[in-house]
Protein backbone atom coordinates (compact mmCIF):
# COMPACT_ATOMS: atom_id res chain seq x y z
CA MET A 1 -0.10 -0.03 -0.25
CA LYS A 2 1.42 3.20 -1.22
CA LYS A 3 0.80 6.38 1.02
CA LYS A 4 -1.68 8.93 -0.33
CA THR A 5 -0.19 12.53 -1.01
CA ILE A 6 -1.84 15.82 -0.55
CA TRP A 7 -2.95 15.72 -3.62
CA ASP A 8 -4.30 12.38 -3.44
CA LEU A 9 -6.44 13.46 -0.91
CA ASN A 10 -8.98 16.19 -3.11
CA ARG A 11 -9.17 18.93 -0.17
CA VAL A 12 -11.29 21.52 -0.56
CA THR A 13 -10.53 24.94 0.22
CA VAL A 14 -12.15 27.04 2.87
CA ASP A 15 -14.56 28.78 0.44
CA GLU A 16 -15.46 25.55 -0.90
CA TYR A 17 -15.71 24.26 2.75
CA ARG A 18 -18.09 26.77 3.83
CA GLN A 19 -20.19 26.16 0.98
CA SER A 20 -20.43 22.46 1.56
CA ARG A 21 -23.56 20.69 2.83
CA LYS A 22 -22.84 19.78 6.82
CA ILE A 23 -24.27 17.08 9.18
CA PRO A 24 -27.17 18.69 11.46
CA LEU A 25 -24.97 18.98 14.45
CA ILE A 26 -24.03 21.43 16.55
CA VAL A 27 -21.03 21.03 19.17
CA VAL A 28 -21.59 23.23 22.11
CA LEU A 29 -18.02 24.05 24.64
CA ASP A 30 -19.15 24.61 28.05
CA ASN A 31 -16.34 26.22 29.95
CA VAL A 32 -13.54 24.33 28.03
CA ARG A 33 -10.54 25.74 29.36
CA SER A 34 -7.55 24.33 27.34
CA LEU A 35 -6.89 25.83 23.72
CA ASN A 36 -5.35 22.65 22.59
CA ASN A 37 -8.49 21.13 23.30
CA ILE A 38 -10.43 24.08 21.33
CA GLY A 39 -8.25 23.81 18.50
CA SER A 40 -8.63 19.89 18.64
CA ILE A 41 -12.19 20.13 18.22
CA PHE A 42 -12.15 22.68 15.44
CA ARG A 43 -10.01 20.10 13.23
CA THR A 44 -12.27 16.76 13.89
CA SER A 45 -15.63 19.20 13.18
CA ASP A 46 -14.16 20.71 10.28
CA ALA A 47 -13.19 16.58 9.22
CA PHE A 48 -16.96 15.33 9.99
CA ALA A 49 -18.76 18.51 8.44
CA VAL A 50 -20.19 19.97 11.77
CA GLU A 51 -22.71 22.25 11.18
CA LYS A 52 -21.10 24.57 14.00
CA ILE A 53 -19.52 25.33 17.09
CA VAL A 54 -20.86 27.14 20.05
CA LEU A 55 -18.43 28.56 22.30
CA CYS A 56 -19.67 29.18 25.96
CA GLY A 57 -18.02 31.04 29.13
CA ILE A 58 -14.27 30.70 29.67
CA THR A 59 -13.98 28.62 26.15
CA ALA A 60 -11.58 31.01 24.41
CA THR A 61 -12.32 32.04 20.79
CA PRO A 62 -10.36 32.39 17.76
CA PRO A 63 -8.23 34.10 16.63
CA SER A 64 -5.27 32.25 19.03
CA PRO A 65 -2.00 31.06 18.16
CA GLU A 66 -2.57 28.12 20.70
CA ILE A 67 -5.98 27.12 19.20
CA HIS A 68 -4.43 27.35 15.82
CA LYS A 69 -1.49 24.98 16.69
CA THR A 70 -3.94 22.03 16.79
CA ALA A 71 -6.91 23.33 14.29
CA LEU A 72 -4.32 23.80 11.94
CA GLY A 73 -6.50 26.31 10.17
CA ALA A 74 -9.99 24.45 10.94
CA GLU A 75 -11.17 27.79 13.24
CA ASN A 76 -11.04 29.52 9.77
CA SER A 77 -13.48 26.75 8.16
CA VAL A 78 -15.86 25.76 10.74
CA GLU A 79 -18.56 28.36 11.74
CA TRP A 80 -18.12 29.22 15.26
CA VAL A 81 -20.49 31.52 17.47
CA TYR A 82 -19.78 32.42 21.52
CA PHE A 83 -22.26 32.71 24.10
CA ASP A 84 -21.15 34.29 27.75
CA SER A 85 -23.91 31.34 29.38
CA THR A 86 -23.95 27.93 28.06
CA ILE A 87 -27.60 28.14 29.23
CA GLU A 88 -28.14 30.75 26.91
CA ALA A 89 -27.17 29.10 24.35
CA VAL A 90 -29.10 26.03 25.16
CA LYS A 91 -32.22 28.04 25.21
CA GLN A 92 -31.70 29.45 21.92
CA LEU A 93 -30.68 26.23 20.31
CA LYS A 94 -33.92 24.66 21.84
CA GLU A 95 -36.32 27.61 20.69
CA GLU A 96 -34.68 26.54 17.28
CA GLY A 97 -35.96 23.33 17.75
CA VAL A 98 -32.43 21.23 17.96
CA THR A 99 -32.58 18.44 20.23
CA VAL A 100 -29.67 19.46 23.13
CA CYS A 101 -27.57 16.47 24.54
CA ALA A 102 -25.36 16.75 27.35
CA LEU A 103 -22.28 14.54 27.13
CA GLU A 104 -21.78 13.45 30.64
CA GLN A 105 -22.05 10.99 33.44
CA VAL A 106 -25.77 11.07 34.66
CA GLU A 107 -28.24 9.22 36.00
CA GLY A 108 -30.36 8.32 33.36
CA SER A 109 -28.13 8.71 30.78
CA VAL A 110 -28.03 6.84 27.38
CA SER A 111 -24.94 5.02 26.33
CA LEU A 112 -23.72 6.65 23.22
CA GLU A 113 -24.16 3.54 21.54
CA ASP A 114 -27.42 3.44 21.72
CA TYR A 115 -28.76 6.45 20.93
CA GLU A 116 -30.44 6.59 17.42
CA ALA A 117 -30.24 9.95 16.12
CA ASP A 118 -33.33 10.76 13.39
CA PRO A 119 -31.21 11.90 10.17
CA ALA A 120 -34.04 14.33 9.46
CA GLY A 121 -33.65 15.61 12.84
CA ARG A 122 -30.80 18.62 14.20
CA TYR A 123 -28.76 17.83 16.99
CA ALA A 124 -26.67 19.72 19.55
CA PHE A 125 -24.46 18.07 21.94
CA ILE A 126 -22.52 19.76 25.34
CA ALA A 127 -19.05 18.68 25.88
CA GLY A 128 -17.69 20.21 29.35
CA ASN A 129 -15.19 21.56 31.05
CA GLU A 130 -12.07 19.41 31.77
CA VAL A 131 -12.27 19.06 35.28
CA ASP A 132 -16.20 19.75 36.00
CA GLY A 133 -17.73 18.46 33.13
CA VAL A 134 -21.17 20.15 32.03
CA ASP A 135 -22.61 22.07 34.40
CA GLN A 136 -25.60 20.56 36.26
CA GLU A 137 -27.79 23.48 35.16
CA VAL A 138 -27.25 22.90 31.73
CA VAL A 139 -27.40 19.14 32.28
CA ASN A 140 -31.10 20.10 33.42
CA LEU A 141 -32.21 21.80 30.47
CA CYS A 142 -31.02 19.13 27.87
CA ASP A 143 -33.15 16.87 26.43
CA VAL A 144 -30.93 13.68 27.27
CA SER A 145 -27.80 13.06 28.44
CA LEU A 146 -25.31 10.68 26.18
CA GLU A 147 -22.25 8.59 28.32
CA ILE A 148 -19.64 6.95 26.01
CA PRO A 149 -19.17 3.27 27.61
CA GLN A 150 -16.20 2.84 29.53
CA ILE A 151 -14.63 -0.35 31.01
CA GLY A 152 -10.82 0.72 32.10
CA THR A 153 -9.63 2.15 35.69
CA LYS A 154 -10.15 5.63 34.16
CA HIS A 155 -13.76 6.73 34.92
CA SER A 156 -13.69 9.74 31.90
CA LEU A 157 -11.66 10.56 28.61
CA ASN A 158 -10.19 14.05 27.60
CA VAL A 159 -12.97 16.49 26.27
CA ALA A 160 -11.19 16.64 22.50
CA VAL A 161 -11.13 12.62 22.07
CA SER A 162 -14.88 12.20 23.77
CA THR A 163 -16.14 14.98 21.49
CA ALA A 164 -14.25 13.42 18.70
CA LEU A 165 -15.75 9.94 19.49
CA THR A 166 -19.37 11.69 19.69
CA ILE A 167 -18.93 13.62 16.42
CA TRP A 168 -18.20 10.15 14.85
CA HIS A 169 -21.41 8.73 16.33
CA PHE A 170 -23.47 11.65 15.05
CA PHE A 171 -21.68 11.32 11.72
CA LEU A 172 -22.57 7.98 11.15
CA LYS A 173 -26.26 8.53 12.00
CA LEU A 174 -26.90 11.58 10.03
CA ARG A 175 -24.46 11.91 6.87
CA SER A 176 -27.11 11.30 3.78
């Protein structure tokens, strides 16, 4: 097997990407503190054509050299907006008819592998702070909580990793 070159990958331009069809998924970051995690989430969101990213609270916004270091330019291709309050962001998404999911370990959560997203629907999921997770008040506003099953000695994943897994799950369910 021969590795593909950059020309074999048929990369689109930023303008072509912005005009392309996106999956009906919005990623909401609730007080994510690491700029490297934010950049990684931008890059993953670009890779799977996420509709947009909503940055909330202390979550940093582009332009930022630290975000760029891991986003590699995806901060320029993926649409993003900022809200001071994750609660306000969730309320607006719900007003728009978006099904809002918390990515959090809570009582009554649904295992991510069992969650069946309707391809006709529009979804958002909230990934939380690296230490505290998704704020309880925000969880209370969500339609469902999704949990990534784990069997090791650790009880959580890095926010960029868990976000990537969740984006992949929705990508499989929502792409057409």
